[in-house]
C-alpha atoms as a PDB file:
ATOM      1  CA  MET A   1       2.332  70.670  11.116  1.00  0.00           C
ATOM      2  CA  VAL A   2       0.915  70.032  13.955  1.00  0.00           C
ATOM      3  CA  ASP A   3       2.254  66.943  16.093  1.00  0.00           C
ATOM      4  CA  SER A   4      -0.298  64.734  17.382  1.00  0.00           C
ATOM      5  CA  ARG A   5       0.146  65.263  20.912  1.00  0.00           C
ATOM      6  CA  ALA A   6      -0.366  68.955  20.924  1.00  0.00           C
ATOM      7  CA  TYR A   7      -5.080  67.930  20.378  1.00  0.00           C
ATOM      8  CA  TRP A   8      -4.623  65.827  24.019  1.00  0.00           C
ATOM      9  CA  LEU A   9      -2.765  69.380  25.486  1.00  0.00           C
ATOM     10  CA  TRP A  10      -5.625  71.305  23.725  1.00  0.00           C
ATOM     11  CA  LEU A  11      -8.238  69.008  25.171  1.00  0.00           C
ATOM     12  CA  GLN A  12      -6.435  68.692  28.442  1.00  0.00           C
ATOM     13  CA  GLY A  13      -6.443  72.933  28.638  1.00  0.00           C
ATOM     14  CA  CYS A  14      -9.703  73.362  27.965  1.00  0.00           C
ATOM     15  CA  LEU A  15     -11.750  70.983  31.144  1.00  0.00           C
ATOM     16  CA  LYS A  16     -10.508  70.101  34.195  1.00  0.00           C
ATOM     17  CA  PRO A  17      -8.303  67.959  35.901  1.00  0.00           C
ATOM     18  CA  GLY A  18     -10.424  64.689  36.648  1.00  0.00           C
ATOM     19  CA  SER A  19     -12.729  65.535  33.480  1.00  0.00           C
ATOM     20  CA  PRO A  20     -13.452  61.696  32.328  1.00  0.00           C
ATOM     21  CA  LEU A  21     -14.203  63.390  28.641  1.00  0.00           C
ATOM     22  CA  PRO A  22     -10.677  62.651  26.996  1.00  0.00           C
ATOM     23  CA  LEU A  23     -10.892  58.973  28.510  1.00  0.00           C
ATOM     24  CA  TRP A  24     -14.325  58.568  26.339  1.00  0.00           C
ATOM     25  CA  VAL A  25     -12.446  59.959  22.968  1.00  0.00           C
ATOM     26  CA  LEU A  26     -10.030  58.081  23.281  1.00  0.00           C
ATOM     27  CA  GLU A  27     -12.440  54.980  23.284  1.00  0.00           C
ATOM     28  CA  ASN A  28     -14.923  55.999  21.472  1.00  0.00           C
ATOM     29  CA  PHE A  29     -14.223  59.121  19.609  1.00  0.00           C
ATOM     30  CA  PRO A  30     -12.876  58.274  15.442  1.00  0.00           C
ATOM     31  CA  GLY A  31      -9.178  60.390  15.537  1.00  0.00           C
ATOM     32  CA  GLY A  32      -8.883  60.714  18.853  1.00  0.00           C
ATOM     33  CA  ALA A  33      -8.352  63.982  20.007  1.00  0.00           C
ATOM     34  CA  GLU A  34      -7.293  65.189  16.648  1.00  0.00           C
ATOM     35  CA  GLY A  35     -10.318  63.865  15.162  1.00  0.00           C
ATOM     36  CA  PHE A  36     -12.312  65.448  17.408  1.00  0.00           C
ATOM     37  CA  TYR A  37     -11.037  68.647  17.798  1.00  0.00           C
ATOM     38  CA  GLN A  38     -10.900  68.596  13.961  1.00  0.00           C
ATOM     39  CA  GLY A  39     -15.648  67.682  14.531  1.00  0.00           C
ATOM     40  CA  GLY A  40     -16.021  71.185  15.810  1.00  0.00           C
ATOM     41  CA  PRO A  41     -19.031  72.666  17.639  1.00  0.00           C
ATOM     42  CA  LYS A  42     -21.156  70.901  14.922  1.00  0.00           C
ATOM     43  CA  ALA A  43     -20.180  67.454  16.159  1.00  0.00           C
ATOM     44  CA  TRP A  44     -20.176  68.511  20.037  1.00  0.00           C
ATOM     45  CA  SER A  45     -23.222  69.313  20.446  1.00  0.00           C
ATOM     46  CA  SER A  46     -25.250  66.176  19.354  1.00  0.00           C
ATOM     47  CA  LEU A  47     -22.726  64.175  22.105  1.00  0.00           C
ATOM     48  CA  PRO A  48     -24.668  62.547  24.659  1.00  0.00           C
ATOM     49  CA  ALA A  49     -20.897  62.464  26.877  1.00  0.00           C
ATOM     50  CA  LEU A  50     -20.820  65.996  26.645  1.00  0.00           C
ATOM     51  CA  SER A  51     -22.578  68.395  28.944  1.00  0.00           C
ATOM     52  CA  TRP A  52     -22.572  71.566  28.709  1.00  0.00           C
ATOM     53  CA  ALA A  53     -20.402  73.185  31.195  1.00  0.00           C
ATOM     54  CA  ASP A  54     -17.561  71.224  28.521  1.00  0.00           C
ATOM     55  CA  PHE A  55     -18.747  72.704  25.393  1.00  0.00           C
ATOM     56  CA  GLY A  56     -18.385  76.241  26.369  1.00  0.00           C
ATOM     57  CA  ALA A  57     -14.819  75.050  27.895  1.00  0.00           C
ATOM     58  CA  LEU A  58     -14.140  73.903  24.232  1.00  0.00           C
ATOM     59  CA  GLY A  59     -13.444  76.963  23.832  1.00  0.00           C
ATOM     60  CA  SER A  60     -11.129  78.775  26.617  1.00  0.00           C
ATOM     61  CA  PHE A  61      -7.546  76.769  25.103  1.00  0.00           C
ATOM     62  CA  SER A  62      -6.641  76.933  21.937  1.00  0.00           C
ATOM     63  CA  LEU A  63      -4.719  74.593  19.961  1.00  0.00           C
ATOM     64  CA  ALA A  64      -2.102  77.457  19.220  1.00  0.00           C
ATOM     65  CA  GLU A  65      -1.739  77.854  23.235  1.00  0.00           C
ATOM     66  CA  ALA A  66      -0.938  73.659  23.567  1.00  0.00           C
ATOM     67  CA  GLN A  67       1.442  73.772  20.807  1.00  0.00           C
ATOM     68  CA  ASN A  68       3.361  76.296  22.725  1.00  0.00           C
ATOM     69  CA  ARG A  69       2.965  74.986  25.515  1.00  0.00           C
ATOM     70  CA  LEU A  70       3.889  71.363  23.918  1.00  0.00           C
ATOM     71  CA  SER A  71       7.420  73.202  22.677  1.00  0.00           C
ATOM     72  CA  ARG A  72       7.644  74.821  26.386  1.00  0.00           C
ATOM     73  CA  ALA A  73       7.515  71.635  28.249  1.00  0.00           C
ATOM     74  CA  GLU A  74      10.079  69.972  25.481  1.00  0.00           C
ATOM     75  CA  ARG A  75      12.511  72.338  26.135  1.00  0.00           C
ATOM     76  CA  ALA A  76      12.341  71.846  29.961  1.00  0.00           C
ATOM     77  CA  GLY A  77      13.755  68.418  28.155  1.00  0.00           C
ATOM     78  CA  TRP A  78      10.048  67.014  29.860  1.00  0.00           C
ATOM     79  CA  GLN A  79       8.544  64.076  28.491  1.00  0.00           C
ATOM     80  CA  VAL A  80       4.911  64.655  27.658  1.00  0.00           C
ATOM     81  CA  ILE A  81       2.761  61.278  27.066  1.00  0.00           C
ATOM     82  CA  VAL A  82      -0.661  61.555  26.474  1.00  0.00           C
ATOM     83  CA  LEU A  83      -3.907  59.624  26.661  1.00  0.00           C
ATOM     84  CA  GLY A  84      -3.302  56.303  23.873  1.00  0.00           C
ATOM     85  CA  ASP A  85       0.648  56.737  24.076  1.00  0.00           C
ATOM     86  CA  LYS A  86       2.466  53.258  24.483  1.00  0.00           C
ATOM     87  CA  ALA A  87       4.515  54.594  27.421  1.00  0.00           C
ATOM     88  CA  TYR A  88       0.693  55.882  28.629  1.00  0.00           C
ATOM     89  CA  PRO A  89       0.696  54.109  32.440  1.00  0.00           C
ATOM     90  CA  ALA A  90      -1.894  50.656  31.541  1.00  0.00           C
ATOM     91  CA  PRO A  91      -2.897  51.311  34.315  1.00  0.00           C
ATOM     92  CA  LEU A  92      -4.070  54.722  34.590  1.00  0.00           C
ATOM     93  CA  ARG A  93      -6.444  53.850  31.409  1.00  0.00           C
ATOM     94  CA  HIS A  94      -8.609  52.604  34.013  1.00  0.00           C
ATOM     95  CA  ILE A  95      -9.416  55.258  35.984  1.00  0.00           C
ATOM     96  CA  TYR A  96     -11.783  57.671  36.396  1.00  0.00           C
ATOM     97  CA  GLY A  97     -10.988  60.063  34.641  1.00  0.00           C
ATOM     98  CA  PRO A  98      -7.481  60.176  33.822  1.00  0.00           C
ATOM     99  CA  PRO A  99      -5.018  62.782  32.786  1.00  0.00           C
ATOM    100  CA  ALA A 100      -5.194  63.422  28.592  1.00  0.00           C
ATOM    101  CA  VAL A 101      -1.164  63.994  29.569  1.00  0.00           C
ATOM    102  CA  LEU A 102       1.531  63.516  31.843  1.00  0.00           C
ATOM    103  CA  TYR A 103       4.438  65.423  32.663  1.00  0.00           C
ATOM    104  CA  VAL A 104       7.363  63.530  33.435  1.00  0.00           C
ATOM    105  CA  LYS A 105      11.146  64.618  34.750  1.00  0.00           C
ATOM    106  CA  GLY A 106      13.453  61.432  34.922  1.00  0.00           C
ATOM    107  CA  CYS A 107      12.483  57.515  33.512  1.00  0.00           C
ATOM    108  CA  LEU A 108       8.904  56.455  33.418  1.00  0.00           C
ATOM    109  CA  PRO A 109       9.383  52.321  34.545  1.00  0.00           C
ATOM    110  CA  ASP A 110       6.692  50.251  31.972  1.00  0.00           C
ATOM    111  CA  PHE A 111       3.846  49.626  34.431  1.00  0.00           C
ATOM    112  CA  SER A 112       2.535  46.785  31.877  1.00  0.00           C
ATOM    113  CA  HIS A 113       5.672  44.872  32.799  1.00  0.00           C
ATOM    114  CA  LEU A 114       6.243  45.010  36.873  1.00  0.00           C
ATOM    115  CA  PRO A 115       3.214  46.545  38.800  1.00  0.00           C
ATOM    116  CA  ALA A 116       3.055  49.045  41.602  1.00  0.00           C
ATOM    117  CA  VAL A 117       2.434  49.780  45.053  1.00  0.00           C
ATOM    118  CA  ALA A 118       2.013  52.845  47.188  1.00  0.00           C
ATOM    119  CA  VAL A 119       3.158  52.927  50.532  1.00  0.00           C
ATOM    120  CA  VAL A 120       1.645  55.975  52.410  1.00  0.00           C
ATOM    121  CA  GLY A 121       0.644  57.877  55.385  1.00  0.00           C
ATOM    122  CA  SER A 122       0.949  60.151  58.268  1.00  0.00           C
ATOM    123  CA  ARG A 123       2.641  64.442  57.531  1.00  0.00           C
ATOM    124  CA  ARG A 124       4.337  63.418  61.395  1.00  0.00           C
ATOM    125  CA  PRO A 125       4.523  59.608  62.080  1.00  0.00           C
ATOM    126  CA  ILE A 126       5.427  58.083  65.244  1.00  0.00           C
ATOM    127  CA  ALA A 127       8.591  56.711  65.781  1.00  0.00           C
ATOM    128  CA  GLN A 128       7.093  53.316  65.841  1.00  0.00           C
ATOM    129  CA  SER A 129       5.490  53.975  62.051  1.00  0.00           C
ATOM    130  CA  ALA A 130       8.874  55.756  60.836  1.00  0.00           C
ATOM    131  CA  ALA A 131      11.267  52.617  61.756  1.00  0.00           C
ATOM    132  CA  VAL A 132       8.199  50.769  59.425  1.00  0.00           C
ATOM    133  CA  ALA A 133       8.058  53.431  56.372  1.00  0.00           C
ATOM    134  CA  SER A 134      11.577  52.790  55.601  1.00  0.00           C
ATOM    135  CA  ARG A 135      11.171  48.787  56.348  1.00  0.00           C
ATOM    136  CA  PHE A 136       8.524  48.728  54.266  1.00  0.00           C
ATOM    137  CA  GLY A 137      10.599  50.963  51.026  1.00  0.00           C
ATOM    138  CA  ALA A 138      13.233  48.695  51.553  1.00  0.00           C
ATOM    139  CA  GLN A 139      11.685  45.910  50.834  1.00  0.00           C
ATOM    140  CA  LEU A 140       8.804  46.334  48.211  1.00  0.00           C
ATOM    141  CA  ALA A 141      11.974  48.599  46.254  1.00  0.00           C
ATOM    142  CA  GLU A 142      13.882  44.973  46.684  1.00  0.00           C
ATOM    143  CA  SER A 143      10.852  42.335  45.720  1.00  0.00           C
ATOM    144  CA  GLY A 144      11.483  43.833  42.336  1.00  0.00           C
ATOM    145  CA  MET A 145       8.143  46.511  42.174  1.00  0.00           C
ATOM    146  CA  ILE A 146       7.415  49.607  41.416  1.00  0.00           C
ATOM    147  CA  ILE A 147       7.660  52.549  43.942  1.00  0.00           C
ATOM    148  CA  VAL A 148       5.340  55.329  43.891  1.00  0.00           C
ATOM    149  CA  GLY A 149       4.364  57.951  45.784  1.00  0.00           C
ATOM    150  CA  GLY A 150       3.642  60.965  46.562  1.00  0.00           C
ATOM    151  CA  VAL A 151       7.603  62.085  48.732  1.00  0.00           C
ATOM    152  CA  ALA A 152       4.506  64.745  51.025  1.00  0.00           C
ATOM    153  CA  PRO A 153       7.328  64.870  54.466  1.00  0.00           C
ATOM    154  CA  GLY A 154       6.688  62.093  57.051  1.00  0.00           C
ATOM    155  CA  VAL A 155       5.796  58.253  55.521  1.00  0.00           C
ATOM    156  CA  ASP A 156       6.098  59.355  51.980  1.00  0.00           C
ATOM    157  CA  ALA A 157       9.912  60.923  52.221  1.00  0.00           C
ATOM    158  CA  LEU A 158      11.081  57.698  54.736  1.00  0.00           C
ATOM    159  CA  VAL A 159       9.569  55.475  51.893  1.00  0.00           C
ATOM    160  CA  MET A 160      11.471  57.229  49.456  1.00  0.00           C
ATOM    161  CA  ALA A 161      14.312  57.159  50.857  1.00  0.00           C
ATOM    162  CA  SER A 162      14.248  53.865  52.026  1.00  0.00           C
ATOM    163  CA  ALA A 163      13.282  52.778  48.466  1.00  0.00           C
ATOM    164  CA  ILE A 164      16.208  54.532  47.070  1.00  0.00           C
ATOM    165  CA  GLU A 165      19.261  52.724  48.147  1.00  0.00           C
ATOM    166  CA  LYS A 166      17.528  49.550  47.004  1.00  0.00           C
ATOM    167  CA  THR A 167      16.213  50.253  43.194  1.00  0.00           C
ATOM    168  CA  ASP A 168      15.716  52.912  40.527  1.00  0.00           C
ATOM    169  CA  LYS A 169      11.932  52.014  40.047  1.00  0.00           C
ATOM    170  CA  LEU A 170      10.306  54.881  41.592  1.00  0.00           C
ATOM    171  CA  VAL A 171       7.607  57.234  40.223  1.00  0.00           C
ATOM    172  CA  CYS A 172       7.459  60.310  42.777  1.00  0.00           C
ATOM    173  CA  VAL A 173       3.778  61.545  41.524  1.00  0.00           C
ATOM    174  CA  LEU A 174       3.626  65.524  41.940  1.00  0.00           C
ATOM    175  CA  PRO A 175       0.603  67.523  43.011  1.00  0.00           C
ATOM    176  CA  VAL A 176       2.583  71.045  41.098  1.00  0.00           C
ATOM    177  CA  ASP A 177       3.877  71.103  38.414  1.00  0.00           C
ATOM    178  CA  LEU A 178       7.837  70.071  37.375  1.00  0.00           C
ATOM    179  CA  ASP A 179       9.279  72.818  37.818  1.00  0.00           C
ATOM    180  CA  SER A 180       7.594  73.749  41.291  1.00  0.00           C
ATOM    181  CA  GLN A 181       9.831  74.295  44.113  1.00  0.00           C
ATOM    182  CA  TYR A 182       6.754  72.341  46.840  1.00  0.00           C
ATOM    183  CA  PRO A 183       7.951  70.382  48.916  1.00  0.00           C
ATOM    184  CA  VAL A 184      10.643  72.721  49.886  1.00  0.00           C
ATOM    185  CA  ASP A 185      11.317  70.019  52.305  1.00  0.00           C
ATOM    186  CA  THR A 186      11.970  66.867  49.821  1.00  0.00           C
ATOM    187  CA  ILE A 187      13.737  68.928  47.434  1.00  0.00           C
ATOM    188  CA  PRO A 188      17.045  66.709  47.859  1.00  0.00           C
ATOM    189  CA  LEU A 189      14.844  63.619  48.013  1.00  0.00           C
ATOM    190  CA  ARG A 190      13.518  64.639  44.603  1.00  0.00           C
ATOM    191  CA  ARG A 191      16.778  65.406  42.831  1.00  0.00           C
ATOM    192  CA  ARG A 192      17.722  61.606  44.340  1.00  0.00           C
ATOM    193  CA  ILE A 193      15.256  59.823  42.648  1.00  0.00           C
ATOM    194  CA  LEU A 194      16.096  61.796  39.976  1.00  0.00           C
ATOM    195  CA  GLU A 195      20.184  60.794  39.620  1.00  0.00           C
ATOM    196  CA  ARG A 196      18.762  57.039  41.091  1.00  0.00           C
ATOM    197  CA  GLY A 197      16.726  57.024  37.320  1.00  0.00           C
ATOM    198  CA  GLY A 198      13.181  57.413  39.188  1.00  0.00           C
ATOM    199  CA  ALA A 199      10.630  59.572  37.829  1.00  0.00           C
ATOM    200  CA  LEU A 200       8.577  62.438  39.036  1.00  0.00           C
ATOM    201  CA  VAL A 201       4.925  63.100  37.331  1.00  0.00           C
ATOM    202  CA  THR A 202       2.736  64.907  37.122  1.00  0.00           C
ATOM    203  CA  GLU A 203      -0.929  66.172  34.718  1.00  0.00           C
ATOM    204  CA  HIS A 204      -0.121  70.365  35.666  1.00  0.00           C
ATOM    205  CA  PHE A 205       1.734  71.484  33.360  1.00  0.00           C
ATOM    206  CA  SER A 206       2.043  75.163  35.243  1.00  0.00           C
ATOM    207  CA  TRP A 207       0.388  74.883  38.401  1.00  0.00           C
ATOM    208  CA  PRO A 208       3.666  76.277  41.594  1.00  0.00           C
ATOM    209  CA  LYS A 209       1.384  75.655  44.924  1.00  0.00           C
ATOM    210  CA  PRO A 210      -0.834  73.229  45.814  1.00  0.00           C
ATOM    211  CA  ILE A 211      -4.468  74.597  45.882  1.00  0.00           C
ATOM    212  CA  SER A 212      -7.908  72.934  46.889  1.00  0.00           C
ATOM    213  CA  GLY A 213      -8.455  69.526  45.597  1.00  0.00           C
ATOM    214  CA  SER A 214      -4.825  69.039  44.664  1.00  0.00           C
ATOM    215  CA  PHE A 215      -4.323  66.649  46.544  1.00  0.00           C
ATOM    216  CA  HIS A 216      -7.276  64.590  45.453  1.00  0.00           C
ATOM    217  CA  LEU A 217      -5.417  65.001  42.296  1.00  0.00           C
ATOM    218  CA  ARG A 218      -2.722  63.356  42.639  1.00  0.00           C
ATOM    219  CA  ASN A 219      -3.521  60.924  45.231  1.00  0.00           C
ATOM    220  CA  ARG A 220      -6.346  59.746  42.315  1.00  0.00           C
ATOM    221  CA  LEU A 221      -2.986  58.765  40.217  1.00  0.00           C
ATOM    222  CA  ILE A 222      -0.869  57.268  43.063  1.00  0.00           C
ATOM    223  CA  THR A 223      -3.264  54.716  43.995  1.00  0.00           C
ATOM    224  CA  GLY A 224      -4.791  54.778  39.820  1.00  0.00           C
ATOM    225  CA  LEU A 225      -0.618  53.208  39.193  1.00  0.00           C
ATOM    226  CA  CYS A 226      -0.133  51.119  42.176  1.00  0.00           C
ATOM    227  CA  PHE A 227      -2.021  47.237  42.323  1.00  0.00           C
ATOM    228  CA  GLY A 228      -2.635  48.181  45.625  1.00  0.00           C
ATOM    229  CA  VAL A 229      -1.962  51.320  48.582  1.00  0.00           C
ATOM    230  CA  VAL A 230      -0.339  50.929  52.084  1.00  0.00           C
ATOM    231  CA  LEU A 231      -1.708  53.231  54.389  1.00  0.00           C
ATOM    232  CA  ILE A 232       1.150  53.594  57.267  1.00  0.00           C
ATOM    233  CA  GLN A 233      -1.019  55.933  60.698  1.00  0.00           C
ATOM    234  CA  ALA A 234      -4.335  57.423  60.238  1.00  0.00           C
ATOM    235  CA  ALA A 235      -5.969  58.495  62.646  1.00  0.00           C
ATOM    236  CA  MET A 236     -10.014  59.847  62.351  1.00  0.00           C
ATOM    237  CA  ARG A 237      -9.559  62.658  60.241  1.00  0.00           C
ATOM    238  CA  SER A 238      -6.502  61.940  59.110  1.00  0.00           C
ATOM    239  CA  GLY A 239      -5.874  62.985  54.772  1.00  0.00           C
ATOM    240  CA  THR A 240      -3.793  59.278  54.714  1.00  0.00           C
ATOM    241  CA  LEU A 241      -7.297  57.900  54.298  1.00  0.00           C
ATOM    242  CA  MET A 242      -8.615  59.597  51.898  1.00  0.00           C
ATOM    243  CA  TYR A 243      -6.030  56.897  50.155  1.00  0.00           C
ATOM    244  CA  ALA A 244      -8.088  53.590  51.086  1.00  0.00           C
ATOM    245  CA  THR A 245     -11.754  55.943  49.618  1.00  0.00           C
ATOM    246  CA  LEU A 246      -9.452  56.241  46.303  1.00  0.00           C
ATOM    247  CA  ALA A 247      -8.448  53.316  45.964  1.00  0.00           C
ATOM    248  CA  ALA A 248     -11.023  50.971  46.798  1.00  0.00           C
ATOM    249  CA  GLY A 249     -13.484  53.163  44.626  1.00  0.00           C
ATOM    250  CA  GLN A 250     -10.681  51.912  41.689  1.00  0.00           C
ATOM    251  CA  GLY A 251     -10.899  48.085  42.514  1.00  0.00           C
ATOM    252  CA  ARG A 252      -7.288  48.715  43.558  1.00  0.00           C
ATOM    253  CA  ASP A 253      -5.800  46.610  46.831  1.00  0.00           C
ATOM    254  CA  VAL A 254      -6.254  48.195  50.735  1.00  0.00           C
ATOM    255  CA  PHE A 255      -3.656  47.616  53.170  1.00  0.00           C
ATOM    256  CA  VAL A 256      -3.018  48.500  56.213  1.00  0.00           C
ATOM    257  CA  TYR A 257       0.084  48.914  58.997  1.00  0.00           C
ATOM    258  CA  PRO A 258      -1.963  47.819  62.096  1.00  0.00           C
ATOM    259  CA  GLY A 259       0.085  50.242  64.707  1.00  0.00           C
ATOM    260  CA  PRO A 260      -0.356  49.820  68.014  1.00  0.00           C
ATOM    261  CA  VAL A 261      -3.076  49.163  69.744  1.00  0.00           C
ATOM    262  CA  GLU A 262      -2.899  51.507  71.869  1.00  0.00           C
ATOM    263  CA  SER A 263      -1.874  54.995  69.609  1.00  0.00           C
ATOM    264  CA  PRO A 264      -4.881  57.356  68.635  1.00  0.00           C
ATOM    265  CA  GLU A 265      -2.575  57.948  65.786  1.00  0.00           C
ATOM    266  CA  TYR A 266      -4.162  54.712  64.421  1.00  0.00           C
ATOM    267  CA  LEU A 267      -7.913  54.982  65.301  1.00  0.00           C
ATOM    268  CA  GLY A 268      -8.162  55.047  61.480  1.00  0.00           C
ATOM    269  CA  THR A 269      -6.123  52.986  60.710  1.00  0.00           C
ATOM    270  CA  ARG A 270      -8.620  50.333  63.146  1.00  0.00           C
ATOM    271  CA  MET A 271     -11.590  51.809  61.264  1.00  0.00           C
ATOM    272  CA  LEU A 272     -10.050  50.642  57.631  1.00  0.00           C
ATOM    273  CA  LEU A 273      -9.201  47.265  59.428  1.00  0.00           C
ATOM    274  CA  GLY A 274     -12.919  46.349  61.003  1.00  0.00           C
ATOM    275  CA  GLU A 275     -14.327  47.572  57.325  1.00  0.00           C
ATOM    276  CA  GLY A 276     -11.719  45.080  55.595  1.00  0.00           C
ATOM    277  CA  ALA A 277      -8.340  46.590  54.864  1.00  0.00           C
ATOM    278  CA  ALA A 278      -6.141  43.740  54.755  1.00  0.00           C
ATOM    279  CA  PRO A 279      -3.312  43.953  57.323  1.00  0.00           C
ATOM    280  CA  VAL A 280       0.450  43.766  56.435  1.00  0.00           C
ATOM    281  CA  TYR A 281       3.773  43.801  58.587  1.00  0.00           C
ATOM    282  CA  LYS A 282       6.403  43.081  56.671  1.00  0.00           C
ATOM    283  CA  GLY A 283       6.524  43.625  52.429  1.00  0.00           C
ATOM    284  CA  GLU A 284       6.258  39.930  52.430  1.00  0.00           C
ATOM    285  CA  ASP A 285       3.355  40.135  53.067  1.00  0.00           C
ATOM    286  CA  VAL A 286       2.065  43.063  50.755  1.00  0.00           C
ATOM    287  CA  LEU A 287       4.662  40.479  48.117  1.00  0.00           C
ATOM    288  CA  ALA A 288       1.877  37.765  48.664  1.00  0.00           C
ATOM    289  CA  GLN A 289      -0.964  39.413  46.913  1.00  0.00           C
ATOM    290  CA  CYS A 290       0.635  40.288  43.956  1.00  0.00           C
ATOM    291  CA  PRO A 291      -1.171  39.826  40.545  1.00  0.00           C
ATOM    292  CA  ILE A 292       0.193  35.858  39.959  1.00  0.00           C
ATOM    293  CA  ASP A 293       1.996  36.473  36.841  1.00  0.00           C
ATOM    294  CA  PHE A 294       5.015  38.918  38.630  1.00  0.00           C
ATOM    295  CA  LEU A 295       4.901  35.783  41.057  1.00  0.00           C
ATOM    296  CA  ASN A 296       5.605  34.063  38.228  1.00  0.00           C
ATOM    297  CA  ARG A 297       7.580  36.000  36.523  1.00  0.00           C
ATOM    298  CA  MET A 298      10.100  36.378  39.730  1.00  0.00           C
ATOM    299  CA  LEU A 299      10.264  32.331  40.171  1.00  0.00           C
ATOM    300  CA  GLN A 300      11.277  32.663  36.310  1.00  0.00           C
ATOM    301  CA  GLU A 301      13.911  35.176  37.038  1.00  0.00           C
ATOM    302  CA  TYR A 302      15.145  33.230  40.619  1.00  0.00           C
ATOM    303  CA  THR A 303      15.961  30.312  38.872  1.00  0.00           C
ATOM    304  CA  GLN A 304      17.676  31.596  35.714  1.00  0.00           C
ATOM    305  CA  GLN A 305      19.908  33.547  38.490  1.00  0.00           C
ATOM    306  CA  ALA A 306      20.586  30.271  40.403  1.00  0.00           C
ATOM    307  CA  ALA A 307      21.227  27.760  36.774  1.00  0.00           C
ATOM    308  CA  GLY A 308      23.382  31.183  36.261  1.00  0.00           C
ATOM    309  CA  ALA A 309      25.485  30.231  39.695  1.00  0.00           C
ATOM    310  CA  PHE A 310      26.014  26.394  38.309  1.00  0.00           C
ATOM    311  CA  GLY A 311      26.683  27.669  34.850  1.00  0.00           C
ATOM    312  CA  GLU A 312      25.633  26.418  31.699  1.00  0.00           C
ATOM    313  CA  ALA A 313      25.230  22.231  32.708  1.00  0.00           C
ATOM    314  CA  GLY A 314      23.846  23.210  35.677  1.00  0.00           C
ATOM    315  CA  PRO A 315      24.053  21.919  39.751  1.00  0.00           C
ATOM    316  CA  GLU A 316      25.313  18.771  37.945  1.00  0.00           C
ATOM    317  CA  ARG A 317      28.286  20.410  36.920  1.00  0.00           C
ATOM    318  CA  GLU A 318      29.036  21.855  40.402  1.00  0.00           C
ATOM    319  CA  VAL A 319      28.887  17.682  42.055  1.00  0.00           C
ATOM    320  CA  GLU A 320      32.083  16.683  38.535  1.00  0.00           C
END
């Protein structure tokens, strides 16, 4: 008997990452990926959503290969989460071209219950940026939000390293597969994320090293998982600016730490401020922009904790 997830792995294996077809299949084709597979070329040829390139690619990967891939992933201890699963992060269903399959190590937080935020920036931060990154990581982790990042050396790693001391709701999105050693510099940090109860996530089954386009694909998932992204230190020709473009295109909030006015390392950052990005100086500034339902839940939890401190009878009991 074929595991129903294998059909999504088949679809993923046939298409290029970022294809909009898997989401179209989920939302429009009876039976999802399995129904689509069973329909075969006769059904596919009449679909307006299917380009000729995709039509030709659907024969490039077999269902048997997909089943083998699923078995290997499970033997490796990976979670295999497909579109339509309850465990699939809800925010990703609303971006262009979400992955048909996610491979996960560790414990993926519930994105339908908690908002996520990413704090990203330069791989070569100046001293002020490094201190700010660590501060944002700790403050946002303490707020209860899910912290998402890429764990590249620099700002990304500093954020995760500080957040890891405050929360287990950590998600590192990789531009490579889960067995890859890339980037070598942050292998210990990725291990700590898993030990702490966080997760490593990728859409790639076998992709040991980044290639052209890898970071764009990875970054669209980082911004797609979050309600907003904070940028710390972006020069005019910085890859960090890619996050702002992706986030804006996905309808996510773009926050910017303004940085020192005289610093050329912040020229791109100041450009984003001129284009409407919101300036933030501390974690509380980001928290103030959170979805209102999350803020209400935080207030309820705080009220319950405060009541518990006085016993079941409430504050009056303490007076007695």
